[in-house]
Structures are given as C-alpha cells and as structure tokens.
Amino acid sequence: MRFTLLLLVLGAVTLSANAFNLDCYNCTSCSETFDRNKSRVFSGCNACAKYKYTGTGTVDRFCASYCNPGIDRYGNEVYCCSTDLCNFGERLGSLFWLLLLPAAAVAAISSRL
C-alpha cells in the first residue's frame, strides 16, 4: 500500500516537473491549418495554448504560464495542452484532464484503504 502511494506521488511529481518545461509553438494571427515553417518554438513553458478568434478565424499559438480552456467572454475558443509542441492541431487536450487523472487515481486507491 505504501509502495503504491509512493509510486503515485513520484508519478505526480514527474508529471508536474515535465509540465513546467514544455516546448510550444508560437505564432500570431496564423491560420487554423498549421505550418511549422511559419512558427517559432518557445521553451520552458508551463502550458501550450491556442487561441482561436471566432470573428476572424485567425489563431494565436503560444507558450502560457497558465491556461484556462474553454470559451472566453468574447466567444473566442481557448485550447490548452501539456506535452511538447502540442498546440499545433485543431483540437487540443486540456491540461485540466492531465491534472485530474492523478487525483482520480489517488481517490480510487484511498477508497480501497
């Protein structure tokens, strides 16, 4: 039991350490169709993000210190992800789900104790 808990803690620490050293694409007013040749890569990011402007259809991809996925107050779409160079696609996984998985695992193990 203690060994399993130790593995969970080490896994969470590893995930959080990796989450704060990401490489992310960066481009401003780029198109939804991604072109690596028109983007720069920033390192040392906490999260990668993509911001899609609904009025113009243009996209910003960037390195974020914090990312809150969803729809902003202007109706623009905000996508977040937490792996290297993950902010290239049309749809991105949320950092929220990555953080939720270790918490769910700890809750499941705790309920069995």
PDB file of N, CA and C in Angstrom:
ATOM      1  N   MET A   1       0.823  -1.182   0.000  1.00  0.00           N
ATOM      2  CA  MET A   1       0.000   0.000   0.000  1.00  0.00           C
ATOM      3  C   MET A   1       0.877   1.258   0.000  1.00  0.00           C
ATOM      4  N   ARG A   2       1.862   1.312   0.864  1.00  0.00           N
ATOM      5  CA  ARG A   2       2.747   2.485   0.905  1.00  0.00           C
ATOM      6  C   ARG A   2       3.557   2.604  -0.380  1.00  0.00           C
ATOM      7  N   PHE A   3       3.941   1.454  -0.929  1.00  0.00           N
ATOM      8  CA  PHE A   3       4.696   1.463  -2.180  1.00  0.00           C
ATOM      9  C   PHE A   3       3.849   2.055  -3.307  1.00  0.00           C
ATOM     10  N   THR A   4       2.571   1.683  -3.363  1.00  0.00           N
ATOM     11  CA  THR A   4       1.671   2.209  -4.391  1.00  0.00           C
ATOM     12  C   THR A   4       1.500   3.714  -4.232  1.00  0.00           C
ATOM     13  N   LEU A   5       1.325   4.160  -3.001  1.00  0.00           N
ATOM     14  CA  LEU A   5       1.187   5.590  -2.746  1.00  0.00           C
ATOM     15  C   LEU A   5       2.464   6.332  -3.132  1.00  0.00           C
ATOM     16  N   LEU A   6       3.611   5.743  -2.832  1.00  0.00           N
ATOM     17  CA  LEU A   6       4.887   6.346  -3.208  1.00  0.00           C
ATOM     18  C   LEU A   6       4.998   6.466  -4.724  1.00  0.00           C
ATOM     19  N   LEU A   7       4.585   5.429  -5.447  1.00  0.00           N
ATOM     20  CA  LEU A   7       4.612   5.484  -6.912  1.00  0.00           C
ATOM     21  C   LEU A   7       3.701   6.584  -7.438  1.00  0.00           C
ATOM     22  N   LEU A   8       2.530   6.734  -6.845  1.00  0.00           N
ATOM     23  CA  LEU A   8       1.618   7.796  -7.273  1.00  0.00           C
ATOM     24  C   LEU A   8       2.215   9.177  -7.036  1.00  0.00           C
ATOM     25  N   VAL A   9       2.815   9.367  -5.894  1.00  0.00           N
ATOM     26  CA  VAL A   9       3.435  10.658  -5.590  1.00  0.00           C
ATOM     27  C   VAL A   9       4.588  10.934  -6.546  1.00  0.00           C
ATOM     28  N   LEU A  10       5.433   9.942  -6.781  1.00  0.00           N
ATOM     29  CA  LEU A  10       6.544  10.126  -7.721  1.00  0.00           C
ATOM     30  C   LEU A  10       6.035  10.410  -9.129  1.00  0.00           C
ATOM     31  N   GLY A  11       4.977   9.729  -9.531  1.00  0.00           N
ATOM     32  CA  GLY A  11       4.387   9.978 -10.844  1.00  0.00           C
ATOM     33  C   GLY A  11       3.849  11.387 -10.960  1.00  0.00           C
ATOM     34  N   ALA A  12       3.174  11.863  -9.922  1.00  0.00           N
ATOM     35  CA  ALA A  12       2.632  13.222  -9.935  1.00  0.00           C
ATOM     36  C   ALA A  12       3.747  14.255  -9.981  1.00  0.00           C
ATOM     37  N   VAL A  13       4.821  14.018  -9.233  1.00  0.00           N
ATOM     38  CA  VAL A  13       5.965  14.937  -9.249  1.00  0.00           C
ATOM     39  C   VAL A  13       6.609  14.955 -10.627  1.00  0.00           C
ATOM     40  N   THR A  14       6.747  13.794 -11.235  1.00  0.00           N
ATOM     41  CA  THR A  14       7.328  13.711 -12.579  1.00  0.00           C
ATOM     42  C   THR A  14       6.462  14.448 -13.583  1.00  0.00           C
ATOM     43  N   LEU A  15       5.151  14.245 -13.514  1.00  0.00           N
ATOM     44  CA  LEU A  15       4.248  14.941 -14.430  1.00  0.00           C
ATOM     45  C   LEU A  15       4.326  16.440 -14.241  1.00  0.00           C
ATOM     46  N   SER A  16       4.339  16.896 -12.994  1.00  0.00           N
ATOM     47  CA  SER A  16       4.383  18.332 -12.769  1.00  0.00           C
ATOM     48  C   SER A  16       5.730  18.910 -13.175  1.00  0.00           C
ATOM     49  N   ALA A  17       6.808  18.173 -12.993  1.00  0.00           N
ATOM     50  CA  ALA A  17       8.124  18.661 -13.422  1.00  0.00           C
ATOM     51  C   ALA A  17       8.178  18.788 -14.932  1.00  0.00           C
ATOM     52  N   ASN A  18       7.617  17.814 -15.644  1.00  0.00           N
ATOM     53  CA  ASN A  18       7.591  17.883 -17.102  1.00  0.00           C
ATOM     54  C   ASN A  18       6.671  18.984 -17.587  1.00  0.00           C
ATOM     55  N   ALA A  19       5.609  19.246 -16.859  1.00  0.00           N
ATOM     56  CA  ALA A  19       4.637  20.249 -17.279  1.00  0.00           C
ATOM     57  C   ALA A  19       5.220  21.656 -17.240  1.00  0.00           C
ATOM     58  N   PHE A  20       6.298  21.885 -16.503  1.00  0.00           N
ATOM     59  CA  PHE A  20       6.873  23.214 -16.400  1.00  0.00           C
ATOM     60  C   PHE A  20       8.126  23.379 -17.247  1.00  0.00           C
ATOM     61  N   ASN A  21       8.303  22.498 -18.211  1.00  0.00           N
ATOM     62  CA  ASN A  21       9.452  22.604 -19.098  1.00  0.00           C
ATOM     63  C   ASN A  21       9.056  22.172 -20.500  1.00  0.00           C
ATOM     64  N   LEU A  22       7.986  22.753 -20.999  1.00  0.00           N
ATOM     65  CA  LEU A  22       7.458  22.366 -22.306  1.00  0.00           C
ATOM     66  C   LEU A  22       8.010  23.238 -23.416  1.00  0.00           C
ATOM     67  N   ASP A  23       8.055  22.674 -24.605  1.00  0.00           N
ATOM     68  CA  ASP A  23       8.302  23.436 -25.824  1.00  0.00           C
ATOM     69  C   ASP A  23       6.950  23.655 -26.487  1.00  0.00           C
ATOM     70  N   CYS A  24       6.675  24.893 -26.899  1.00  0.00           N
ATOM     71  CA  CYS A  24       5.389  25.221 -27.514  1.00  0.00           C
ATOM     72  C   CYS A  24       5.605  26.039 -28.785  1.00  0.00           C
ATOM     73  N   TYR A  25       4.720  25.824 -29.754  1.00  0.00           N
ATOM     74  CA  TYR A  25       4.749  26.643 -30.957  1.00  0.00           C
ATOM     75  C   TYR A  25       4.235  28.037 -30.630  1.00  0.00           C
ATOM     76  N   ASN A  26       4.778  29.028 -31.350  1.00  0.00           N
ATOM     77  CA  ASN A  26       4.356  30.401 -31.159  1.00  0.00           C
ATOM     78  C   ASN A  26       4.151  31.051 -32.520  1.00  0.00           C
ATOM     79  N   CYS A  27       2.941  31.522 -32.757  1.00  0.00           N
ATOM     80  CA  CYS A  27       2.649  32.313 -33.954  1.00  0.00           C
ATOM     81  C   CYS A  27       1.457  33.207 -33.643  1.00  0.00           C
ATOM     82  N   THR A  28       1.432  34.366 -34.272  1.00  0.00           N
ATOM     83  CA  THR A  28       0.360  35.330 -34.064  1.00  0.00           C
ATOM     84  C   THR A  28      -0.393  35.525 -35.368  1.00  0.00           C
ATOM     85  N   SER A  29      -1.712  35.535 -35.278  1.00  0.00           N
ATOM     86  CA  SER A  29      -2.590  35.699 -36.443  1.00  0.00           C
ATOM     87  C   SER A  29      -2.268  34.679 -37.530  1.00  0.00           C
ATOM     88  N   CYS A  30      -2.016  33.449 -37.124  1.00  0.00           N
ATOM     89  CA  CYS A  30      -1.772  32.388 -38.098  1.00  0.00           C
ATOM     90  C   CYS A  30      -3.101  31.704 -38.430  1.00  0.00           C
ATOM     91  N   SER A  31      -3.071  30.825 -39.392  1.00  0.00           N
ATOM     92  CA  SER A  31      -4.311  30.160 -39.800  1.00  0.00           C
ATOM     93  C   SER A  31      -4.539  28.903 -38.970  1.00  0.00           C
ATOM     94  N   GLU A  32      -5.762  28.401 -39.026  1.00  0.00           N
ATOM     95  CA  GLU A  32      -6.104  27.161 -38.325  1.00  0.00           C
ATOM     96  C   GLU A  32      -5.265  26.006 -38.857  1.00  0.00           C
ATOM     97  N   THR A  33      -5.026  25.998 -40.170  1.00  0.00           N
ATOM     98  CA  THR A  33      -4.157  24.987 -40.771  1.00  0.00           C
ATOM     99  C   THR A  33      -2.726  25.316 -40.373  1.00  0.00           C
ATOM    100  N   PHE A  34      -2.092  24.395 -39.694  1.00  0.00           N
ATOM    101  CA  PHE A  34      -0.797  24.681 -39.092  1.00  0.00           C
ATOM    102  C   PHE A  34       0.345  24.507 -40.077  1.00  0.00           C
ATOM    103  N   ASP A  35       1.290  25.447 -40.062  1.00  0.00           N
ATOM    104  CA  ASP A  35       2.504  25.379 -40.868  1.00  0.00           C
ATOM    105  C   ASP A  35       3.703  25.600 -39.940  1.00  0.00           C
ATOM    106  N   ARG A  36       4.453  24.544 -39.686  1.00  0.00           N
ATOM    107  CA  ARG A  36       5.605  24.635 -38.772  1.00  0.00           C
ATOM    108  C   ARG A  36       6.630  25.669 -39.236  1.00  0.00           C
ATOM    109  N   ASN A  37       6.714  25.879 -40.525  1.00  0.00           N
ATOM    110  CA  ASN A  37       7.704  26.818 -41.063  1.00  0.00           C
ATOM    111  C   ASN A  37       7.368  28.268 -40.740  1.00  0.00           C
ATOM    112  N   LYS A  38       6.126  28.540 -40.347  1.00  0.00           N
ATOM    113  CA  LYS A  38       5.717  29.905 -40.024  1.00  0.00           C
ATOM    114  C   LYS A  38       5.597  30.124 -38.518  1.00  0.00           C
ATOM    115  N   SER A  39       6.115  29.188 -37.744  1.00  0.00           N
ATOM    116  CA  SER A  39       6.018  29.284 -36.287  1.00  0.00           C
ATOM    117  C   SER A  39       7.391  29.149 -35.653  1.00  0.00           C
ATOM    118  N   ARG A  40       7.543  29.811 -34.522  1.00  0.00           N
ATOM    119  CA  ARG A  40       8.747  29.643 -33.715  1.00  0.00           C
ATOM    120  C   ARG A  40       8.427  28.692 -32.575  1.00  0.00           C
ATOM    121  N   VAL A  41       9.455  28.182 -31.922  1.00  0.00           N
ATOM    122  CA  VAL A  41       9.280  27.307 -30.764  1.00  0.00           C
ATOM    123  C   VAL A  41       9.844  28.017 -29.539  1.00  0.00           C
ATOM    124  N   PHE A  42       9.037  28.105 -28.499  1.00  0.00           N
ATOM    125  CA  PHE A  42       9.479  28.660 -27.220  1.00  0.00           C
ATOM    126  C   PHE A  42       9.664  27.512 -26.242  1.00  0.00           C
ATOM    127  N   SER A  43      10.658  27.613 -25.377  1.00  0.00           N
ATOM    128  CA  SER A  43      10.955  26.562 -24.395  1.00  0.00           C
ATOM    129  C   SER A  43      10.693  27.055 -22.977  1.00  0.00           C
ATOM    130  N   GLY A  44      10.584  26.100 -22.059  1.00  0.00           N
ATOM    131  CA  GLY A  44      10.405  26.429 -20.646  1.00  0.00           C
ATOM    132  C   GLY A  44       9.001  26.856 -20.279  1.00  0.00           C
ATOM    133  N   CYS A  45       8.023  26.387 -21.015  1.00  0.00           N
ATOM    134  CA  CYS A  45       6.630  26.795 -20.801  1.00  0.00           C
ATOM    135  C   CYS A  45       5.945  25.930 -19.744  1.00  0.00           C
ATOM    136  N   ASN A  46       4.966  26.498 -19.062  1.00  0.00           N
ATOM    137  CA  ASN A  46       4.119  25.731 -18.144  1.00  0.00           C
ATOM    138  C   ASN A  46       3.029  24.991 -18.905  1.00  0.00           C
ATOM    139  N   ALA A  47       2.525  25.605 -19.963  1.00  0.00           N
ATOM    140  CA  ALA A  47       1.471  25.010 -20.786  1.00  0.00           C
ATOM    141  C   ALA A  47       1.591  25.578 -22.190  1.00  0.00           C
ATOM    142  N   CYS A  48       1.047  24.857 -23.151  1.00  0.00           N
ATOM    143  CA  CYS A  48       0.944  25.360 -24.516  1.00  0.00           C
ATOM    144  C   CYS A  48      -0.521  25.726 -24.745  1.00  0.00           C
ATOM    145  N   ALA A  49      -0.746  26.772 -25.513  1.00  0.00           N
ATOM    146  CA  ALA A  49      -2.116  27.225 -25.720  1.00  0.00           C
ATOM    147  C   ALA A  49      -2.352  27.595 -27.176  1.00  0.00           C
ATOM    148  N   LYS A  50      -3.622  27.547 -27.529  1.00  0.00           N
ATOM    149  CA  LYS A  50      -4.064  28.015 -28.841  1.00  0.00           C
ATOM    150  C   LYS A  50      -5.325  28.834 -28.615  1.00  0.00           C
ATOM    151  N   TYR A  51      -5.345  30.025 -29.179  1.00  0.00           N
ATOM    152  CA  TYR A  51      -6.460  30.952 -29.022  1.00  0.00           C
ATOM    153  C   TYR A  51      -7.061  31.182 -30.397  1.00  0.00           C
ATOM    154  N   LYS A  52      -8.310  30.809 -30.579  1.00  0.00           N
ATOM    155  CA  LYS A  52      -8.963  30.936 -31.881  1.00  0.00           C
ATOM    156  C   LYS A  52     -10.013  32.048 -31.827  1.00  0.00           C
ATOM    157  N   TYR A  53      -9.792  33.065 -32.649  1.00  0.00           N
ATOM    158  CA  TYR A  53     -10.708  34.197 -32.716  1.00  0.00           C
ATOM    159  C   TYR A  53     -11.895  33.827 -33.597  1.00  0.00           C
ATOM    160  N   THR A  54     -13.089  33.829 -33.028  1.00  0.00           N
ATOM    161  CA  THR A  54     -14.262  33.382 -33.778  1.00  0.00           C
ATOM    162  C   THR A  54     -14.648  34.355 -34.883  1.00  0.00           C
ATOM    163  N   GLY A  55     -14.434  35.635 -34.700  1.00  0.00           N
ATOM    164  CA  GLY A  55     -14.812  36.612 -35.714  1.00  0.00           C
ATOM    165  C   GLY A  55     -13.977  36.525 -36.977  1.00  0.00           C
ATOM    166  N   THR A  56     -12.679  36.351 -36.824  1.00  0.00           N
ATOM    167  CA  THR A  56     -11.777  36.350 -37.979  1.00  0.00           C
ATOM    168  C   THR A  56     -11.326  34.953 -38.379  1.00  0.00           C
ATOM    169  N   GLY A  57     -11.421  34.011 -37.454  1.00  0.00           N
ATOM    170  CA  GLY A  57     -10.942  32.658 -37.733  1.00  0.00           C
ATOM    171  C   GLY A  57      -9.438  32.521 -37.604  1.00  0.00           C
ATOM    172  N   THR A  58      -8.752  33.615 -37.245  1.00  0.00           N
ATOM    173  CA  THR A  58      -7.302  33.523 -37.064  1.00  0.00           C
ATOM    174  C   THR A  58      -6.982  32.888 -35.717  1.00  0.00           C
ATOM    175  N   VAL A  59      -5.743  32.456 -35.583  1.00  0.00           N
ATOM    176  CA  VAL A  59      -5.316  31.698 -34.414  1.00  0.00           C
ATOM    177  C   VAL A  59      -4.004  32.264 -33.885  1.00  0.00           C
ATOM    178  N   ASP A  60      -3.880  32.308 -32.575  1.00  0.00           N
ATOM    179  CA  ASP A  60      -2.599  32.571 -31.918  1.00  0.00           C
ATOM    180  C   ASP A  60      -2.194  31.294 -31.201  1.00  0.00           C
ATOM    181  N   ARG A  61      -0.959  30.897 -31.364  1.00  0.00           N
ATOM    182  CA  ARG A  61      -0.406  29.757 -30.630  1.00  0.00           C
ATOM    183  C   ARG A  61       0.728  30.302 -29.776  1.00  0.00           C
ATOM    184  N   PHE A  62       0.785  29.869 -28.513  1.00  0.00           N
ATOM    185  CA  PHE A  62       1.778  30.476 -27.639  1.00  0.00           C
ATOM    186  C   PHE A  62       2.091  29.617 -26.424  1.00  0.00           C
ATOM    187  N   CYS A  63       3.156  30.031 -25.757  1.00  0.00           N
ATOM    188  CA  CYS A  63       3.626  29.468 -24.501  1.00  0.00           C
ATOM    189  C   CYS A  63       2.868  30.194 -23.393  1.00  0.00           C
ATOM    190  N   ALA A  64       2.280  29.447 -22.463  1.00  0.00           N
ATOM    191  CA  ALA A  64       1.470  30.074 -21.421  1.00  0.00           C
ATOM    192  C   ALA A  64       1.993  29.712 -20.035  1.00  0.00           C
ATOM    193  N   SER A  65       1.943  30.671 -19.136  1.00  0.00           N
ATOM    194  CA  SER A  65       2.272  30.368 -17.748  1.00  0.00           C
ATOM    195  C   SER A  65       1.071  29.728 -17.066  1.00  0.00           C
ATOM    196  N   TYR A  66      -0.123  30.036 -17.558  1.00  0.00           N
ATOM    197  CA  TYR A  66      -1.364  29.471 -17.043  1.00  0.00           C
ATOM    198  C   TYR A  66      -2.335  29.402 -18.205  1.00  0.00           C
ATOM    199  N   CYS A  67      -3.144  28.373 -18.255  1.00  0.00           N
ATOM    200  CA  CYS A  67      -4.097  28.242 -19.354  1.00  0.00           C
ATOM    201  C   CYS A  67      -5.423  27.724 -18.819  1.00  0.00           C
ATOM    202  N   ASN A  68      -6.493  28.426 -19.132  1.00  0.00           N
ATOM    203  CA  ASN A  68      -7.835  28.047 -18.717  1.00  0.00           C
ATOM    204  C   ASN A  68      -8.644  27.751 -19.981  1.00  0.00           C
ATOM    205  N   PRO A  69      -8.833  26.471 -20.319  1.00  0.00           N
ATOM    206  CA  PRO A  69      -9.507  26.122 -21.569  1.00  0.00           C
ATOM    207  C   PRO A  69     -10.991  26.463 -21.541  1.00  0.00           C
ATOM    208  N   GLY A  70     -11.532  26.702 -22.725  1.00  0.00           N
ATOM    209  CA  GLY A  70     -12.968  26.969 -22.832  1.00  0.00           C
ATOM    210  C   GLY A  70     -13.240  28.116 -23.785  1.00  0.00           C
ATOM    211  N   ILE A  71     -14.314  28.821 -23.522  1.00  0.00           N
ATOM    212  CA  ILE A  71     -14.719  29.977 -24.323  1.00  0.00           C
ATOM    213  C   ILE A  71     -14.546  31.216 -23.453  1.00  0.00           C
ATOM    214  N   ASP A  72     -13.835  32.221 -23.973  1.00  0.00           N
ATOM    215  CA  ASP A  72     -13.663  33.437 -23.181  1.00  0.00           C
ATOM    216  C   ASP A  72     -14.919  34.306 -23.266  1.00  0.00           C
ATOM    217  N   ARG A  73     -14.918  35.429 -22.587  1.00  0.00           N
ATOM    218  CA  ARG A  73     -16.118  36.274 -22.527  1.00  0.00           C
ATOM    219  C   ARG A  73     -16.480  36.914 -23.862  1.00  0.00           C
ATOM    220  N   TYR A  74     -15.575  36.850 -24.827  1.00  0.00           N
ATOM    221  CA  TYR A  74     -15.849  37.393 -26.155  1.00  0.00           C
ATOM    222  C   TYR A  74     -16.283  36.314 -27.140  1.00  0.00           C
ATOM    223  N   GLY A  75     -16.352  35.074 -26.688  1.00  0.00           N
ATOM    224  CA  GLY A  75     -16.756  33.968 -27.554  1.00  0.00           C
ATOM    225  C   GLY A  75     -15.611  33.303 -28.297  1.00  0.00           C
ATOM    226  N   ASN A  76     -14.381  33.677 -27.974  1.00  0.00           N
ATOM    227  CA  ASN A  76     -13.214  33.061 -28.608  1.00  0.00           C
ATOM    228  C   ASN A  76     -12.868  31.753 -27.905  1.00  0.00           C
ATOM    229  N   GLU A  77     -12.341  30.798 -28.661  1.00  0.00           N
ATOM    230  CA  GLU A  77     -12.020  29.481 -28.121  1.00  0.00           C
ATOM    231  C   GLU A  77     -10.583  29.447 -27.599  1.00  0.00           C
ATOM    232  N   VAL A  78     -10.407  28.893 -26.406  1.00  0.00           N
ATOM    233  CA  VAL A  78      -9.091  28.750 -25.792  1.00  0.00           C
ATOM    234  C   VAL A  78      -8.832  27.263 -25.577  1.00  0.00           C
ATOM    235  N   TYR A  79      -7.754  26.765 -26.168  1.00  0.00           N
ATOM    236  CA  TYR A  79      -7.362  25.363 -26.032  1.00  0.00           C
ATOM    237  C   TYR A  79      -6.036  25.308 -25.283  1.00  0.00           C
ATOM    238  N   CYS A  80      -5.888  24.308 -24.429  1.00  0.00           N
ATOM    239  CA  CYS A  80      -4.671  24.140 -23.637  1.00  0.00           C
ATOM    240  C   CYS A  80      -4.172  22.709 -23.761  1.00  0.00           C
ATOM    241  N   CYS A  81      -2.861  22.533 -23.680  1.00  0.00           N
ATOM    242  CA  CYS A  81      -2.301  21.185 -23.693  1.00  0.00           C
ATOM    243  C   CYS A  81      -0.989  21.187 -22.921  1.00  0.00           C
ATOM    244  N   SER A  82      -0.480  20.001 -22.654  1.00  0.00           N
ATOM    245  CA  SER A  82       0.658  19.920 -21.737  1.00  0.00           C
ATOM    246  C   SER A  82       1.714  18.906 -22.164  1.00  0.00           C
ATOM    247  N   THR A  83       1.936  18.793 -23.462  1.00  0.00           N
ATOM    248  CA  THR A  83       3.054  17.993 -23.957  1.00  0.00           C
ATOM    249  C   THR A  83       3.823  18.841 -24.962  1.00  0.00           C
ATOM    250  N   ASP A  84       5.058  18.482 -25.221  1.00  0.00           N
ATOM    251  CA  ASP A  84       5.886  19.265 -26.137  1.00  0.00           C
ATOM    252  C   ASP A  84       5.231  19.434 -27.500  1.00  0.00           C
ATOM    253  N   LEU A  85       5.224  20.679 -27.969  1.00  0.00           N
ATOM    254  CA  LEU A  85       4.754  21.044 -29.309  1.00  0.00           C
ATOM    255  C   LEU A  85       3.339  20.530 -29.588  1.00  0.00           C
ATOM    256  N   CYS A  86       2.492  20.570 -28.587  1.00  0.00           N
ATOM    257  CA  CYS A  86       1.141  20.019 -28.715  1.00  0.00           C
ATOM    258  C   CYS A  86       0.128  21.023 -29.248  1.00  0.00           C
ATOM    259  N   ASN A  87       0.476  22.291 -29.361  1.00  0.00           N
ATOM    260  CA  ASN A  87      -0.510  23.294 -29.749  1.00  0.00           C
ATOM    261  C   ASN A  87      -0.539  23.559 -31.255  1.00  0.00           C
ATOM    262  N   PHE A  88      -0.380  22.504 -32.037  1.00  0.00           N
ATOM    263  CA  PHE A  88      -0.415  22.644 -33.493  1.00  0.00           C
ATOM    264  C   PHE A  88      -1.759  22.264 -34.086  1.00  0.00           C
ATOM    265  N   GLY A  89      -2.503  21.393 -33.450  1.00  0.00           N
ATOM    266  CA  GLY A  89      -3.709  20.818 -34.041  1.00  0.00           C
ATOM    267  C   GLY A  89      -4.940  21.683 -33.917  1.00  0.00           C
ATOM    268  N   GLU A  90      -6.013  21.178 -34.522  1.00  0.00           N
ATOM    269  CA  GLU A  90      -7.283  21.890 -34.463  1.00  0.00           C
ATOM    270  C   GLU A  90      -7.927  21.770 -33.094  1.00  0.00           C
ATOM    271  N   ARG A  91      -7.804  20.623 -32.462  1.00  0.00           N
ATOM    272  CA  ARG A  91      -8.356  20.418 -31.121  1.00  0.00           C
ATOM    273  C   ARG A  91      -7.229  19.940 -30.216  1.00  0.00           C
ATOM    274  N   LEU A  92      -7.192  20.484 -29.024  1.00  0.00           N
ATOM    275  CA  LEU A  92      -6.130  20.145 -28.088  1.00  0.00           C
ATOM    276  C   LEU A  92      -6.719  19.554 -26.826  1.00  0.00           C
ATOM    277  N   GLY A  93      -5.974  18.650 -26.222  1.00  0.00           N
ATOM    278  CA  GLY A  93      -6.389  18.124 -24.927  1.00  0.00           C
ATOM    279  C   GLY A  93      -6.193  19.182 -23.862  1.00  0.00           C
ATOM    280  N   SER A  94      -6.962  19.121 -22.850  1.00  0.00           N
ATOM    281  CA  SER A  94      -6.913  20.112 -21.796  1.00  0.00           C
ATOM    282  C   SER A  94      -5.914  19.727 -20.714  1.00  0.00           C
ATOM    283  N   LEU A  95      -5.197  20.699 -20.208  1.00  0.00           N
ATOM    284  CA  LEU A  95      -4.307  20.487 -19.075  1.00  0.00           C
ATOM    285  C   LEU A  95      -5.107  20.023 -17.866  1.00  0.00           C
ATOM    286  N   PHE A  96      -6.356  20.459 -17.795  1.00  0.00           N
ATOM    287  CA  PHE A  96      -7.239  20.054 -16.705  1.00  0.00           C
ATOM    288  C   PHE A  96      -7.333  18.544 -16.607  1.00  0.00           C
ATOM    289  N   TRP A  97      -7.503  17.866 -17.728  1.00  0.00           N
ATOM    290  CA  TRP A  97      -7.647  16.411 -17.713  1.00  0.00           C
ATOM    291  C   TRP A  97      -6.357  15.735 -17.281  1.00  0.00           C
ATOM    292  N   LEU A  98      -5.224  16.287 -17.637  1.00  0.00           N
ATOM    293  CA  LEU A  98      -3.953  15.716 -17.207  1.00  0.00           C
ATOM    294  C   LEU A  98      -3.800  15.807 -15.693  1.00  0.00           C
ATOM    295  N   LEU A  99      -4.248  16.905 -15.129  1.00  0.00           N
ATOM    296  CA  LEU A  99      -4.159  17.074 -13.687  1.00  0.00           C
ATOM    297  C   LEU A  99      -5.220  16.263 -12.955  1.00  0.00           C
ATOM    298  N   LEU A 100      -6.339  16.003 -13.608  1.00  0.00           N
ATOM    299  CA  LEU A 100      -7.418  15.253 -12.979  1.00  0.00           C
ATOM    300  C   LEU A 100      -7.080  13.771 -12.836  1.00  0.00           C
ATOM    301  N   LEU A 101      -6.331  13.217 -13.765  1.00  0.00           N
ATOM    302  CA  LEU A 101      -6.015  11.788 -13.737  1.00  0.00           C
ATOM    303  C   LEU A 101      -5.281  11.351 -12.468  1.00  0.00           C
ATOM    304  N   PRO A 102      -4.193  12.022 -12.049  1.00  0.00           N
ATOM    305  CA  PRO A 102      -3.545  11.595 -10.801  1.00  0.00           C
ATOM    306  C   PRO A 102      -4.463  11.739  -9.589  1.00  0.00           C
ATOM    307  N   ALA A 103      -5.280  12.785  -9.568  1.00  0.00           N
ATOM    308  CA  ALA A 103      -6.206  12.970  -8.449  1.00  0.00           C
ATOM    309  C   ALA A 103      -7.223  11.841  -8.399  1.00  0.00           C
ATOM    310  N   ALA A 104      -7.723  11.415  -9.545  1.00  0.00           N
ATOM    311  CA  ALA A 104      -8.678  10.306  -9.599  1.00  0.00           C
ATOM    312  C   ALA A 104      -8.024   9.008  -9.147  1.00  0.00           C
ATOM    313  N   ALA A 105      -6.774   8.794  -9.525  1.00  0.00           N
ATOM    314  CA  ALA A 105      -6.066   7.577  -9.113  1.00  0.00           C
ATOM    315  C   ALA A 105      -5.873   7.548  -7.599  1.00  0.00           C
ATOM    316  N   VAL A 106      -5.497   8.674  -7.021  1.00  0.00           N
ATOM    317  CA  VAL A 106      -5.319   8.747  -5.572  1.00  0.00           C
ATOM    318  C   VAL A 106      -6.649   8.507  -4.864  1.00  0.00           C
ATOM    319  N   ALA A 107      -7.728   9.088  -5.378  1.00  0.00           N
ATOM    320  CA  ALA A 107      -9.050   8.891  -4.774  1.00  0.00           C
ATOM    321  C   ALA A 107      -9.475   7.432  -4.844  1.00  0.00           C
ATOM    322  N   ALA A 108      -9.218   6.781  -5.965  1.00  0.00           N
ATOM    323  CA  ALA A 108      -9.589   5.373  -6.119  1.00  0.00           C
ATOM    324  C   ALA A 108      -8.813   4.491  -5.150  1.00  0.00           C
ATOM    325  N   ILE A 109      -7.531   4.761  -5.000  1.00  0.00           N
ATOM    326  CA  ILE A 109      -6.713   3.963  -4.087  1.00  0.00           C
ATOM    327  C   ILE A 109      -7.105   4.239  -2.636  1.00  0.00           C
ATOM    328  N   SER A 110      -7.370   5.492  -2.318  1.00  0.00           N
ATOM    329  CA  SER A 110      -7.762   5.842  -0.952  1.00  0.00           C
ATOM    330  C   SER A 110      -9.074   5.186  -0.554  1.00  0.00           C
ATOM    331  N   SER A 111      -9.992   5.046  -1.496  1.00  0.00           N
ATOM    332  CA  SER A 111     -11.290   4.447  -1.180  1.00  0.00           C
ATOM    333  C   SER A 111     -11.161   2.956  -0.883  1.00  0.00           C
ATOM    334  N   ARG A 112     -10.100   2.332  -1.342  1.00  0.00           N
ATOM    335  CA  ARG A 112      -9.883   0.903  -1.090  1.00  0.00           C
ATOM    336  C   ARG A 112      -9.197   0.654   0.247  1.00  0.00           C
ATOM    337  N   LEU A 113      -8.670   1.701   0.860  1.00  0.00           N
ATOM    338  CA  LEU A 113      -7.945   1.544   2.134  1.00  0.00           C
ATOM    339  C   LEU A 113      -8.884   1.405   3.299  1.00  0.00           C
TER     340      LEU A 113
END
